[in-house]
Amino acid sequence: IRDADSLQWIYLTQAFETIYGLERGQALEGDNFRTWTELIVTEDRNHAIEQIRRARKGERANFEYWIQRPVDQEIRWLRNTDFPLFGEDRTVRRIGGIGRDITDERATAKRMEILVAELQHRTRNLMGVIRAVADKTLRNSADLTEFEENFVGRLEALARVQGLLSRLSEGDRVTFDELLRSELSAH
């Protein structure tokens, strides 16, 4: 909670210490608005200050920003919701705020984006292989019955290879012997 006039913190929860890596007593000393702004990385500082000013004017402000924790110099991504607390005279007296460390959330979301992009790439490649197998099988088939037999057999072989590949760890390879054993065991 901040005083709306001075923007100085009046109250900080224990979670503040975990998120910001700064003891509450130390954070509440002196010009603590300046202390807070100095924790924010330079690129995000003006945006965060502007959001506090919005809350001071009576608006709700949701924003994200990076901080650098003084305890370990770690960069963390935070999401704040700041809101005005009105006095009996309907003027903004205090600014309440709820902050959350979303660093891990953001990292997970980024990893998921990469995984989805890789999955889409692999799916497009696999669809291209299937299209090529279908085209070649069609050209070499005398009728629909022969096409079906050959195409199903080729798709099953492709599925076996994909099964082998899906069990690999990063950097592993399928040996020719493994591929041959897999195909022979299917017959």
N, C-alpha and C. Protein backbone atom coordinates (compact mmCIF):
# COMPACT_ATOMS: atom_id res chain seq x y z
N ILE A 1 0.86 -1.18 0.00
CA ILE A 1 0.00 0.00 0.00
C ILE A 1 0.90 1.23 0.00
N ARG A 2 0.57 2.20 -0.86
CA ARG A 2 1.30 3.46 -0.95
C ARG A 2 0.42 4.62 -0.52
N ASP A 3 1.05 5.68 -0.02
CA ASP A 3 0.38 6.95 0.18
C ASP A 3 0.23 7.57 -1.21
N ALA A 4 -0.97 8.02 -1.57
CA ALA A 4 -1.21 8.54 -2.92
C ALA A 4 -0.48 9.86 -3.17
N ASP A 5 -0.28 10.67 -2.15
CA ASP A 5 0.39 11.96 -2.35
C ASP A 5 1.90 11.79 -2.52
N SER A 6 2.52 11.10 -1.59
CA SER A 6 4.00 10.98 -1.61
C SER A 6 4.49 9.79 -2.42
N LEU A 7 3.60 8.85 -2.70
CA LEU A 7 3.90 7.57 -3.36
C LEU A 7 4.83 6.68 -2.54
N GLN A 8 4.98 7.00 -1.27
CA GLN A 8 5.80 6.19 -0.37
C GLN A 8 5.00 4.98 0.10
N TRP A 9 5.68 3.84 0.21
CA TRP A 9 5.02 2.65 0.74
C TRP A 9 4.67 2.87 2.20
N ILE A 10 3.51 2.38 2.56
CA ILE A 10 3.06 2.41 3.95
C ILE A 10 3.12 0.99 4.52
N TYR A 11 2.85 0.02 3.63
CA TYR A 11 2.79 -1.38 4.06
C TYR A 11 3.27 -2.28 2.94
N LEU A 12 4.06 -3.29 3.31
CA LEU A 12 4.51 -4.33 2.38
C LEU A 12 4.28 -5.69 3.02
N THR A 13 3.82 -6.66 2.26
CA THR A 13 3.63 -8.02 2.79
C THR A 13 4.97 -8.74 2.82
N GLN A 14 4.99 -9.88 3.50
CA GLN A 14 6.21 -10.70 3.54
C GLN A 14 6.60 -11.19 2.15
N ALA A 15 5.61 -11.35 1.28
CA ALA A 15 5.90 -11.83 -0.08
C ALA A 15 6.82 -10.86 -0.81
N PHE A 16 6.80 -9.59 -0.42
CA PHE A 16 7.66 -8.59 -1.05
C PHE A 16 9.12 -9.04 -1.00
N GLU A 17 9.55 -9.53 0.16
CA GLU A 17 10.95 -9.93 0.34
C GLU A 17 11.33 -11.06 -0.62
N THR A 18 10.43 -12.02 -0.77
CA THR A 18 10.69 -13.14 -1.67
C THR A 18 10.77 -12.68 -3.12
N ILE A 19 9.84 -11.83 -3.51
CA ILE A 19 9.79 -11.38 -4.90
C ILE A 19 10.94 -10.44 -5.23
N TYR A 20 11.12 -9.42 -4.41
CA TYR A 20 12.10 -8.37 -4.73
C TYR A 20 13.50 -8.65 -4.19
N GLY A 21 13.64 -9.60 -3.27
CA GLY A 21 14.95 -9.89 -2.71
C GLY A 21 15.48 -8.74 -1.87
N LEU A 22 14.58 -8.06 -1.17
CA LEU A 22 14.93 -6.91 -0.35
C LEU A 22 14.08 -6.96 0.91
N GLU A 23 14.70 -6.80 2.07
CA GLU A 23 13.94 -6.86 3.32
C GLU A 23 12.95 -5.70 3.39
N ARG A 24 11.76 -5.99 3.95
CA ARG A 24 10.71 -4.97 4.02
C ARG A 24 11.16 -3.73 4.79
N GLY A 25 11.84 -3.92 5.92
CA GLY A 25 12.30 -2.79 6.71
C GLY A 25 13.21 -1.88 5.90
N GLN A 26 14.11 -2.50 5.17
CA GLN A 26 15.03 -1.74 4.32
C GLN A 26 14.27 -1.05 3.18
N ALA A 27 13.30 -1.74 2.61
CA ALA A 27 12.53 -1.18 1.49
C ALA A 27 11.67 0.00 1.93
N LEU A 28 11.24 0.02 3.18
CA LEU A 28 10.38 1.09 3.68
C LEU A 28 11.15 2.34 4.12
N GLU A 29 12.48 2.25 4.17
CA GLU A 29 13.29 3.39 4.62
C GLU A 29 13.41 4.46 3.54
N GLY A 30 13.63 5.69 3.97
CA GLY A 30 13.95 6.80 3.08
C GLY A 30 12.92 7.01 1.97
N ASP A 31 13.41 7.43 0.83
CA ASP A 31 12.55 7.65 -0.34
C ASP A 31 12.30 6.29 -0.99
N ASN A 32 11.32 5.57 -0.46
CA ASN A 32 11.14 4.19 -0.93
C ASN A 32 10.51 4.11 -2.31
N PHE A 33 9.88 5.18 -2.79
CA PHE A 33 9.42 5.17 -4.19
C PHE A 33 10.64 5.12 -5.11
N ARG A 34 11.63 5.89 -4.78
CA ARG A 34 12.87 5.88 -5.58
C ARG A 34 13.57 4.52 -5.47
N THR A 35 13.58 3.96 -4.26
CA THR A 35 14.17 2.63 -4.07
C THR A 35 13.50 1.63 -4.99
N TRP A 36 12.16 1.68 -5.05
CA TRP A 36 11.41 0.76 -5.92
C TRP A 36 11.75 0.99 -7.38
N THR A 37 11.75 2.26 -7.81
CA THR A 37 12.01 2.52 -9.23
C THR A 37 13.41 2.10 -9.63
N GLU A 38 14.35 2.17 -8.71
CA GLU A 38 15.72 1.76 -9.03
C GLU A 38 15.87 0.25 -9.17
N LEU A 39 14.92 -0.50 -8.62
CA LEU A 39 14.93 -1.95 -8.80
C LEU A 39 14.46 -2.35 -10.20
N ILE A 40 13.67 -1.47 -10.82
CA ILE A 40 13.10 -1.75 -12.14
C ILE A 40 14.17 -1.53 -13.20
N VAL A 41 14.27 -2.45 -14.16
CA VAL A 41 15.26 -2.28 -15.23
C VAL A 41 14.92 -1.02 -16.01
N THR A 42 15.95 -0.36 -16.50
CA THR A 42 15.82 0.95 -17.13
C THR A 42 14.74 1.00 -18.20
N GLU A 43 14.68 -0.02 -19.06
CA GLU A 43 13.73 -0.02 -20.18
C GLU A 43 12.27 -0.01 -19.72
N ASP A 44 11.99 -0.54 -18.53
CA ASP A 44 10.62 -0.65 -18.04
C ASP A 44 10.24 0.42 -17.03
N ARG A 45 11.21 1.17 -16.56
CA ARG A 45 11.00 2.10 -15.44
C ARG A 45 9.92 3.15 -15.73
N ASN A 46 10.00 3.85 -16.84
CA ASN A 46 9.02 4.91 -17.12
C ASN A 46 7.60 4.35 -17.25
N HIS A 47 7.48 3.19 -17.86
CA HIS A 47 6.16 2.56 -18.00
C HIS A 47 5.57 2.24 -16.62
N ALA A 48 6.37 1.67 -15.74
CA ALA A 48 5.88 1.32 -14.40
C ALA A 48 5.48 2.58 -13.62
N ILE A 49 6.29 3.63 -13.70
CA ILE A 49 5.97 4.88 -13.01
C ILE A 49 4.66 5.45 -13.55
N GLU A 50 4.47 5.40 -14.85
CA GLU A 50 3.24 5.92 -15.46
C GLU A 50 2.02 5.14 -14.95
N GLN A 51 2.17 3.85 -14.74
CA GLN A 51 1.06 3.04 -14.25
C GLN A 51 0.69 3.43 -12.81
N ILE A 52 1.68 3.72 -11.99
CA ILE A 52 1.42 4.18 -10.62
C ILE A 52 0.69 5.52 -10.67
N ARG A 53 1.10 6.38 -11.59
CA ARG A 53 0.43 7.68 -11.74
C ARG A 53 -1.04 7.50 -12.15
N ARG A 54 -1.30 6.51 -12.98
CA ARG A 54 -2.69 6.22 -13.37
C ARG A 54 -3.52 5.85 -12.14
N ALA A 55 -2.96 4.99 -11.28
CA ALA A 55 -3.67 4.59 -10.06
C ALA A 55 -3.88 5.80 -9.15
N ARG A 56 -2.89 6.67 -9.11
CA ARG A 56 -2.98 7.89 -8.31
C ARG A 56 -4.13 8.78 -8.80
N LYS A 57 -4.42 8.72 -10.11
CA LYS A 57 -5.51 9.52 -10.69
C LYS A 57 -6.87 8.83 -10.55
N GLY A 58 -6.89 7.64 -9.98
CA GLY A 58 -8.17 6.97 -9.77
C GLY A 58 -8.44 5.81 -10.71
N GLU A 59 -7.47 5.41 -11.51
CA GLU A 59 -7.65 4.31 -12.46
C GLU A 59 -6.99 3.03 -11.93
N ARG A 60 -7.48 1.93 -12.40
CA ARG A 60 -6.85 0.63 -12.12
C ARG A 60 -5.75 0.43 -13.17
N ALA A 61 -4.61 -0.09 -12.75
CA ALA A 61 -3.49 -0.28 -13.68
C ALA A 61 -2.95 -1.70 -13.57
N ASN A 62 -2.93 -2.39 -14.70
CA ASN A 62 -2.32 -3.72 -14.79
C ASN A 62 -1.10 -3.59 -15.68
N PHE A 63 0.06 -4.05 -15.20
CA PHE A 63 1.27 -3.89 -16.00
C PHE A 63 2.31 -4.92 -15.61
N GLU A 64 3.23 -5.14 -16.54
CA GLU A 64 4.34 -6.08 -16.32
C GLU A 64 5.64 -5.34 -16.50
N TYR A 65 6.66 -5.78 -15.77
CA TYR A 65 7.96 -5.13 -15.85
C TYR A 65 9.04 -6.06 -15.28
N TRP A 66 10.27 -5.75 -15.66
CA TRP A 66 11.43 -6.50 -15.17
C TRP A 66 12.05 -5.75 -13.99
N ILE A 67 12.53 -6.52 -13.00
CA ILE A 67 13.32 -5.93 -11.92
C ILE A 67 14.64 -6.69 -11.84
N GLN A 68 15.62 -6.07 -11.20
CA GLN A 68 16.85 -6.77 -10.87
C GLN A 68 16.95 -6.79 -9.36
N ARG A 69 16.94 -7.99 -8.81
CA ARG A 69 16.95 -8.15 -7.36
C ARG A 69 18.33 -7.81 -6.80
N PRO A 70 18.41 -6.98 -5.77
CA PRO A 70 19.71 -6.61 -5.21
C PRO A 70 20.42 -7.76 -4.50
N VAL A 71 19.65 -8.69 -3.96
CA VAL A 71 20.24 -9.78 -3.18
C VAL A 71 21.09 -10.73 -4.03
N ASP A 72 20.69 -10.97 -5.28
CA ASP A 72 21.40 -11.93 -6.12
C ASP A 72 21.59 -11.46 -7.57
N GLN A 73 21.19 -10.23 -7.85
CA GLN A 73 21.28 -9.63 -9.19
C GLN A 73 20.44 -10.35 -10.24
N GLU A 74 19.56 -11.23 -9.78
CA GLU A 74 18.71 -11.97 -10.72
C GLU A 74 17.65 -11.05 -11.32
N ILE A 75 17.40 -11.22 -12.60
CA ILE A 75 16.36 -10.47 -13.29
C ILE A 75 15.07 -11.27 -13.20
N ARG A 76 14.01 -10.60 -12.73
CA ARG A 76 12.71 -11.27 -12.57
C ARG A 76 11.63 -10.47 -13.29
N TRP A 77 10.62 -11.16 -13.80
CA TRP A 77 9.51 -10.55 -14.53
C TRP A 77 8.31 -10.49 -13.58
N LEU A 78 7.76 -9.30 -13.38
CA LEU A 78 6.65 -9.13 -12.44
C LEU A 78 5.40 -8.63 -13.14
N ARG A 79 4.26 -8.99 -12.56
CA ARG A 79 2.97 -8.48 -13.03
C ARG A 79 2.30 -7.81 -11.83
N ASN A 80 1.97 -6.54 -11.99
CA ASN A 80 1.32 -5.77 -10.92
C ASN A 80 -0.09 -5.37 -11.32
N THR A 81 -0.94 -5.31 -10.32
CA THR A 81 -2.24 -4.67 -10.44
C THR A 81 -2.26 -3.63 -9.34
N ASP A 82 -2.32 -2.36 -9.71
CA ASP A 82 -2.40 -1.27 -8.75
C ASP A 82 -3.75 -0.60 -8.90
N PHE A 83 -4.32 -0.17 -7.76
CA PHE A 83 -5.67 0.37 -7.78
C PHE A 83 -5.81 1.45 -6.71
N PRO A 84 -6.67 2.42 -6.98
CA PRO A 84 -6.86 3.51 -6.04
C PRO A 84 -7.70 3.07 -4.83
N LEU A 85 -7.35 3.61 -3.67
CA LEU A 85 -8.15 3.43 -2.46
C LEU A 85 -8.65 4.82 -2.07
N PHE A 86 -9.96 4.99 -2.12
CA PHE A 86 -10.56 6.31 -1.95
C PHE A 86 -10.88 6.60 -0.49
N GLY A 87 -10.76 7.87 -0.10
CA GLY A 87 -11.17 8.33 1.21
C GLY A 87 -12.65 8.66 1.20
N GLU A 88 -13.16 9.09 2.36
CA GLU A 88 -14.57 9.45 2.46
C GLU A 88 -14.94 10.60 1.54
N ASP A 89 -13.96 11.45 1.24
CA ASP A 89 -14.22 12.59 0.35
C ASP A 89 -14.11 12.22 -1.13
N ARG A 90 -13.97 10.90 -1.40
CA ARG A 90 -13.91 10.36 -2.78
C ARG A 90 -12.62 10.73 -3.51
N THR A 91 -11.60 11.15 -2.78
CA THR A 91 -10.29 11.39 -3.40
C THR A 91 -9.41 10.18 -3.14
N VAL A 92 -8.43 9.99 -4.00
CA VAL A 92 -7.51 8.86 -3.84
C VAL A 92 -6.57 9.16 -2.68
N ARG A 93 -6.64 8.34 -1.65
CA ARG A 93 -5.80 8.51 -0.45
C ARG A 93 -4.61 7.54 -0.45
N ARG A 94 -4.88 6.37 -0.94
CA ARG A 94 -3.85 5.32 -0.94
C ARG A 94 -3.89 4.62 -2.30
N ILE A 95 -2.82 3.90 -2.59
CA ILE A 95 -2.77 3.05 -3.78
C ILE A 95 -2.46 1.64 -3.30
N GLY A 96 -3.38 0.74 -3.57
CA GLY A 96 -3.16 -0.67 -3.23
C GLY A 96 -2.50 -1.35 -4.41
N GLY A 97 -1.73 -2.35 -4.12
CA GLY A 97 -1.07 -3.06 -5.21
C GLY A 97 -0.90 -4.53 -4.90
N ILE A 98 -1.05 -5.32 -5.94
CA ILE A 98 -0.82 -6.76 -5.83
C ILE A 98 0.22 -7.08 -6.89
N GLY A 99 1.34 -7.61 -6.46
CA GLY A 99 2.41 -7.97 -7.39
C GLY A 99 2.66 -9.46 -7.38
N ARG A 100 3.00 -9.97 -8.54
CA ARG A 100 3.26 -11.41 -8.68
C ARG A 100 4.47 -11.63 -9.55
N ASP A 101 5.34 -12.52 -9.13
CA ASP A 101 6.50 -12.90 -9.93
C ASP A 101 6.04 -13.91 -10.97
N ILE A 102 6.16 -13.54 -12.25
CA ILE A 102 5.69 -14.41 -13.34
C ILE A 102 6.86 -14.90 -14.19
N THR A 103 8.06 -14.83 -13.64
CA THR A 103 9.25 -15.22 -14.40
C THR A 103 9.15 -16.67 -14.90
N ASP A 104 8.82 -17.58 -14.01
CA ASP A 104 8.73 -18.99 -14.39
C ASP A 104 7.59 -19.23 -15.38
N GLU A 105 6.46 -18.54 -15.14
CA GLU A 105 5.32 -18.63 -16.06
C GLU A 105 5.72 -18.21 -17.47
N ARG A 106 6.42 -17.09 -17.57
CA ARG A 106 6.84 -16.57 -18.87
C ARG A 106 7.83 -17.51 -19.54
N ALA A 107 8.74 -18.09 -18.76
CA ALA A 107 9.72 -19.03 -19.33
C ALA A 107 9.00 -20.28 -19.85
N THR A 108 8.02 -20.77 -19.09
CA THR A 108 7.25 -21.94 -19.53
C THR A 108 6.48 -21.62 -20.81
N ALA A 109 5.87 -20.44 -20.86
CA ALA A 109 5.12 -20.04 -22.06
C ALA A 109 6.04 -19.97 -23.27
N LYS A 110 7.24 -19.45 -23.08
CA LYS A 110 8.21 -19.35 -24.18
C LYS A 110 8.62 -20.75 -24.66
N ARG A 111 8.88 -21.65 -23.72
CA ARG A 111 9.23 -23.03 -24.09
C ARG A 111 8.09 -23.68 -24.86
N MET A 112 6.86 -23.43 -24.43
CA MET A 112 5.70 -24.00 -25.12
C MET A 112 5.59 -23.45 -26.54
N GLU A 113 5.86 -22.17 -26.72
CA GLU A 113 5.84 -21.58 -28.06
C GLU A 113 6.85 -22.28 -28.96
N ILE A 114 8.03 -22.52 -28.43
CA ILE A 114 9.09 -23.19 -29.20
C ILE A 114 8.67 -24.61 -29.54
N LEU A 115 8.12 -25.32 -28.55
CA LEU A 115 7.69 -26.70 -28.78
C LEU A 115 6.56 -26.78 -29.82
N VAL A 116 5.60 -25.86 -29.74
CA VAL A 116 4.50 -25.86 -30.71
C VAL A 116 5.03 -25.57 -32.11
N ALA A 117 5.95 -24.62 -32.22
CA ALA A 117 6.53 -24.30 -33.52
C ALA A 117 7.28 -25.51 -34.08
N GLU A 118 8.02 -26.21 -33.22
CA GLU A 118 8.74 -27.41 -33.66
C GLU A 118 7.76 -28.50 -34.08
N LEU A 119 6.69 -28.67 -33.30
CA LEU A 119 5.67 -29.66 -33.64
C LEU A 119 5.02 -29.34 -34.98
N GLN A 120 4.71 -28.08 -35.22
CA GLN A 120 4.11 -27.69 -36.50
C GLN A 120 5.07 -27.96 -37.65
N HIS A 121 6.35 -27.66 -37.43
CA HIS A 121 7.36 -27.91 -38.47
C HIS A 121 7.45 -29.41 -38.79
N ARG A 122 7.53 -30.20 -37.74
CA ARG A 122 7.64 -31.65 -37.96
C ARG A 122 6.38 -32.22 -38.60
N THR A 123 5.23 -31.71 -38.20
CA THR A 123 3.97 -32.18 -38.78
C THR A 123 3.91 -31.86 -40.27
N ARG A 124 4.32 -30.64 -40.64
CA ARG A 124 4.34 -30.28 -42.07
C ARG A 124 5.29 -31.20 -42.84
N ASN A 125 6.44 -31.46 -42.25
CA ASN A 125 7.39 -32.37 -42.92
C ASN A 125 6.80 -33.76 -43.08
N LEU A 126 6.17 -34.26 -42.02
CA LEU A 126 5.59 -35.60 -42.08
C LEU A 126 4.46 -35.67 -43.10
N MET A 127 3.65 -34.62 -43.16
CA MET A 127 2.57 -34.59 -44.15
C MET A 127 3.15 -34.59 -45.57
N GLY A 128 4.27 -33.92 -45.77
CA GLY A 128 4.94 -33.93 -47.07
C GLY A 128 5.42 -35.33 -47.43
N VAL A 129 5.95 -36.04 -46.44
CA VAL A 129 6.41 -37.42 -46.68
C VAL A 129 5.20 -38.29 -47.03
N ILE A 130 4.12 -38.15 -46.29
CA ILE A 130 2.93 -38.96 -46.57
C ILE A 130 2.39 -38.66 -47.97
N ARG A 131 2.37 -37.40 -48.34
CA ARG A 131 1.90 -37.01 -49.68
C ARG A 131 2.78 -37.67 -50.76
N ALA A 132 4.10 -37.63 -50.54
CA ALA A 132 5.03 -38.22 -51.51
C ALA A 132 4.83 -39.74 -51.59
N VAL A 133 4.64 -40.39 -50.44
CA VAL A 133 4.41 -41.84 -50.42
C VAL A 133 3.11 -42.17 -51.15
N ALA A 134 2.08 -41.38 -50.91
CA ALA A 134 0.79 -41.62 -51.58
C ALA A 134 0.93 -41.44 -53.09
N ASP A 135 1.60 -40.37 -53.52
CA ASP A 135 1.79 -40.13 -54.95
C ASP A 135 2.55 -41.27 -55.61
N LYS A 136 3.66 -41.69 -54.99
CA LYS A 136 4.48 -42.75 -55.57
C LYS A 136 3.71 -44.07 -55.58
N THR A 137 3.00 -44.36 -54.50
CA THR A 137 2.22 -45.59 -54.43
C THR A 137 1.13 -45.59 -55.50
N LEU A 138 0.48 -44.46 -55.69
CA LEU A 138 -0.58 -44.35 -56.69
C LEU A 138 -0.03 -44.59 -58.10
N ARG A 139 1.13 -43.99 -58.39
CA ARG A 139 1.74 -44.17 -59.72
C ARG A 139 2.12 -45.62 -59.99
N ASN A 140 2.49 -46.36 -58.94
CA ASN A 140 2.96 -47.74 -59.11
C ASN A 140 1.89 -48.78 -58.81
N SER A 141 0.63 -48.38 -58.70
CA SER A 141 -0.46 -49.32 -58.39
C SER A 141 -1.34 -49.49 -59.62
N ALA A 142 -1.73 -50.75 -59.86
CA ALA A 142 -2.57 -51.05 -61.01
C ALA A 142 -4.04 -50.71 -60.73
N ASP A 143 -4.45 -50.84 -59.47
CA ASP A 143 -5.85 -50.56 -59.14
C ASP A 143 -5.93 -50.10 -57.68
N LEU A 144 -7.13 -49.82 -57.24
CA LEU A 144 -7.34 -49.28 -55.90
C LEU A 144 -6.99 -50.31 -54.82
N THR A 145 -7.24 -51.57 -55.06
CA THR A 145 -6.93 -52.61 -54.09
C THR A 145 -5.42 -52.70 -53.88
N GLU A 146 -4.65 -52.69 -54.96
CA GLU A 146 -3.19 -52.73 -54.86
C GLU A 146 -2.67 -51.46 -54.17
N PHE A 147 -3.25 -50.31 -54.51
CA PHE A 147 -2.85 -49.05 -53.88
C PHE A 147 -3.06 -49.14 -52.37
N GLU A 148 -4.24 -49.63 -51.97
CA GLU A 148 -4.55 -49.70 -50.54
C GLU A 148 -3.56 -50.59 -49.80
N GLU A 149 -3.27 -51.77 -50.35
CA GLU A 149 -2.33 -52.69 -49.70
C GLU A 149 -0.95 -52.05 -49.57
N ASN A 150 -0.45 -51.49 -50.66
CA ASN A 150 0.89 -50.89 -50.64
C ASN A 150 0.94 -49.64 -49.76
N PHE A 151 -0.09 -48.83 -49.86
CA PHE A 151 -0.09 -47.57 -49.09
C PHE A 151 -0.16 -47.85 -47.59
N VAL A 152 -1.04 -48.76 -47.17
CA VAL A 152 -1.16 -49.10 -45.76
C VAL A 152 0.16 -49.66 -45.24
N GLY A 153 0.79 -50.54 -46.00
CA GLY A 153 2.08 -51.10 -45.60
C GLY A 153 3.14 -50.02 -45.44
N ARG A 154 3.17 -49.08 -46.36
CA ARG A 154 4.16 -47.99 -46.28
C ARG A 154 3.86 -47.07 -45.10
N LEU A 155 2.57 -46.79 -44.86
CA LEU A 155 2.22 -45.95 -43.70
C LEU A 155 2.59 -46.63 -42.39
N GLU A 156 2.39 -47.95 -42.31
CA GLU A 156 2.76 -48.67 -41.10
C GLU A 156 4.28 -48.63 -40.90
N ALA A 157 5.04 -48.75 -41.97
CA ALA A 157 6.50 -48.66 -41.87
C ALA A 157 6.91 -47.27 -41.40
N LEU A 158 6.27 -46.26 -41.95
CA LEU A 158 6.54 -44.88 -41.54
C LEU A 158 6.21 -44.69 -40.05
N ALA A 159 5.09 -45.27 -39.62
CA ALA A 159 4.69 -45.17 -38.21
C ALA A 159 5.71 -45.85 -37.31
N ARG A 160 6.26 -46.98 -37.74
CA ARG A 160 7.27 -47.67 -36.93
C ARG A 160 8.53 -46.81 -36.79
N VAL A 161 8.95 -46.19 -37.87
CA VAL A 161 10.13 -45.32 -37.83
C VAL A 161 9.86 -44.13 -36.91
N GLN A 162 8.67 -43.53 -37.05
CA GLN A 162 8.33 -42.40 -36.17
C GLN A 162 8.31 -42.85 -34.71
N GLY A 163 7.84 -44.07 -34.45
CA GLY A 163 7.83 -44.61 -33.09
C GLY A 163 9.24 -44.72 -32.54
N LEU A 164 10.16 -45.20 -33.38
CA LEU A 164 11.57 -45.28 -32.95
C LEU A 164 12.12 -43.89 -32.65
N LEU A 165 11.84 -42.96 -33.54
CA LEU A 165 12.37 -41.60 -33.37
C LEU A 165 11.78 -40.90 -32.14
N SER A 166 10.54 -41.17 -31.83
CA SER A 166 9.90 -40.49 -30.71
C SER A 166 10.44 -40.95 -29.37
N ARG A 167 11.09 -42.09 -29.33
CA ARG A 167 11.65 -42.60 -28.07
C ARG A 167 13.08 -42.13 -27.83
N LEU A 168 13.64 -41.41 -28.76
CA LEU A 168 15.03 -40.96 -28.63
C LEU A 168 15.15 -39.76 -27.72
N SER A 169 16.28 -39.70 -27.03
CA SER A 169 16.63 -38.50 -26.29
C SER A 169 17.34 -37.57 -27.25
N GLU A 170 17.47 -36.30 -26.86
CA GLU A 170 18.12 -35.33 -27.74
C GLU A 170 19.55 -35.77 -28.04
N GLY A 171 19.90 -35.75 -29.30
CA GLY A 171 21.25 -36.12 -29.71
C GLY A 171 21.41 -37.60 -30.04
N ASP A 172 20.46 -38.45 -29.63
CA ASP A 172 20.53 -39.88 -29.95
C ASP A 172 20.19 -40.08 -31.42
N ARG A 173 20.58 -41.24 -31.93
CA ARG A 173 20.28 -41.58 -33.32
C ARG A 173 19.75 -43.02 -33.39
N VAL A 174 18.97 -43.29 -34.42
CA VAL A 174 18.51 -44.65 -34.68
C VAL A 174 19.55 -45.30 -35.58
N THR A 175 20.02 -46.48 -35.17
CA THR A 175 21.00 -47.17 -36.01
C THR A 175 20.27 -47.94 -37.11
N PHE A 176 21.01 -48.27 -38.14
CA PHE A 176 20.44 -49.04 -39.24
C PHE A 176 19.96 -50.39 -38.74
N ASP A 177 20.74 -51.01 -37.83
CA ASP A 177 20.35 -52.31 -37.27
C ASP A 177 19.00 -52.23 -36.55
N GLU A 178 18.78 -51.17 -35.76
CA GLU A 178 17.50 -51.02 -35.06
C GLU A 178 16.36 -50.87 -36.05
N LEU A 179 16.58 -50.08 -37.07
CA LEU A 179 15.56 -49.86 -38.10
C LEU A 179 15.24 -51.18 -38.80
N LEU A 180 16.28 -51.94 -39.16
CA LEU A 180 16.10 -53.22 -39.83
C LEU A 180 15.35 -54.22 -38.93
N ARG A 181 15.74 -54.30 -37.65
CA ARG A 181 15.05 -55.20 -36.72
C ARG A 181 13.57 -54.82 -36.59
N SER A 182 13.30 -53.52 -36.51
CA SER A 182 11.92 -53.05 -36.39
C SER A 182 11.10 -53.48 -37.60
N GLU A 183 11.66 -53.34 -38.79
CA GLU A 183 10.93 -53.69 -40.00
C GLU A 183 10.76 -55.19 -40.13
N LEU A 184 11.79 -55.95 -39.80
CA LEU A 184 11.69 -57.40 -39.90
C LEU A 184 10.70 -57.97 -38.88
N SER A 185 10.66 -57.37 -37.67
CA SER A 185 9.74 -57.86 -36.66
C SER A 185 8.29 -57.58 -37.06
N ALA A 186 8.07 -56.62 -37.92
CA ALA A 186 6.71 -56.31 -38.38
C ALA A 186 6.21 -57.36 -39.36
N HIS A 187 7.11 -58.13 -39.93
CA HIS A 187 6.73 -59.15 -40.90
C HIS A 187 6.88 -60.51 -40.27
